[in-house]
Protein backbone atom coordinates (compact mmCIF):
# COMPACT_ATOMS: atom_id res chain seq x y z
CA MET A 1 0.00 0.00 0.00
CA ARG A 2 2.91 2.38 0.53
CA ARG A 3 3.76 2.37 -3.17
CA PHE A 4 0.11 2.95 -4.01
CA ASP A 5 -0.10 5.83 -1.53
CA ARG A 6 3.03 7.37 -3.08
CA GLY A 7 1.36 7.34 -6.49
CA ASP A 8 3.76 4.84 -8.05
CA PHE A 9 0.97 3.28 -10.11
CA ASP A 10 -1.16 4.75 -12.88
CA LEU A 11 -3.56 1.81 -12.93
CA VAL A 12 -4.37 -0.97 -10.50
CA ALA A 13 -6.25 -4.06 -11.64
CA VAL A 14 -8.60 -5.47 -9.05
CA GLY A 15 -10.51 -8.08 -11.05
CA ARG A 16 -9.64 -11.07 -8.88
CA ALA A 17 -10.00 -9.04 -5.71
CA MET A 18 -13.52 -7.99 -6.72
CA ILE A 19 -14.48 -11.61 -7.37
CA ALA A 20 -13.26 -12.65 -3.93
CA GLU A 21 -14.58 -9.58 -2.12
CA PRO A 22 -17.32 -7.51 -3.78
CA ASP A 23 -16.90 -4.80 -1.12
CA TRP A 24 -13.18 -4.46 -1.90
CA PRO A 25 -13.29 -0.72 -2.75
CA LYS A 26 -15.18 0.16 0.43
CA LEU A 27 -12.92 -1.94 2.64
CA VAL A 28 -9.73 -0.56 1.12
CA GLN A 29 -10.99 3.01 1.36
CA ALA A 30 -11.89 2.43 5.01
CA GLY A 31 -8.46 0.92 5.70
CA ALA A 32 -10.03 -2.40 6.70
CA LEU A 33 -7.41 -4.47 4.89
CA ASP A 34 -7.64 -7.21 7.51
CA GLN A 35 -11.22 -7.89 6.38
CA LEU A 36 -10.32 -8.58 2.74
CA LYS A 37 -10.93 -12.12 1.59
CA PRO A 38 -8.16 -13.72 -0.49
CA PHE A 39 -8.81 -14.82 -4.05
CA ALA A 40 -9.09 -18.55 -4.68
CA THR A 41 -9.43 -20.19 -8.08
CA SER A 42 -12.43 -22.11 -6.77
CA LEU A 43 -14.34 -18.82 -6.82
CA MET A 44 -14.16 -18.85 -10.61
CA ALA A 45 -16.62 -21.75 -10.76
CA ASP A 46 -19.49 -19.38 -9.97
CA PRO A 47 -18.22 -15.80 -9.64
CA LEU A 48 -21.71 -14.40 -9.12
CA MET A 49 -22.08 -16.47 -5.97
CA ALA A 50 -18.53 -16.00 -4.63
CA HIS A 51 -19.66 -13.56 -1.95
CA VAL A 52 -22.45 -15.82 -0.67
CA LYS A 53 -21.53 -17.91 2.34
């Protein structure tokens, strides 16, 4: 996150992160990085249901 905060990146891809955690933007903006769920390839089987427990 330090490199991101410094502005080292022009573009950040969050495709996999959004599949694993649909609330990714809100959690990152709130600084709740400990609440982010990791991506797993098993989520690709049904990406629309990945957030359902």
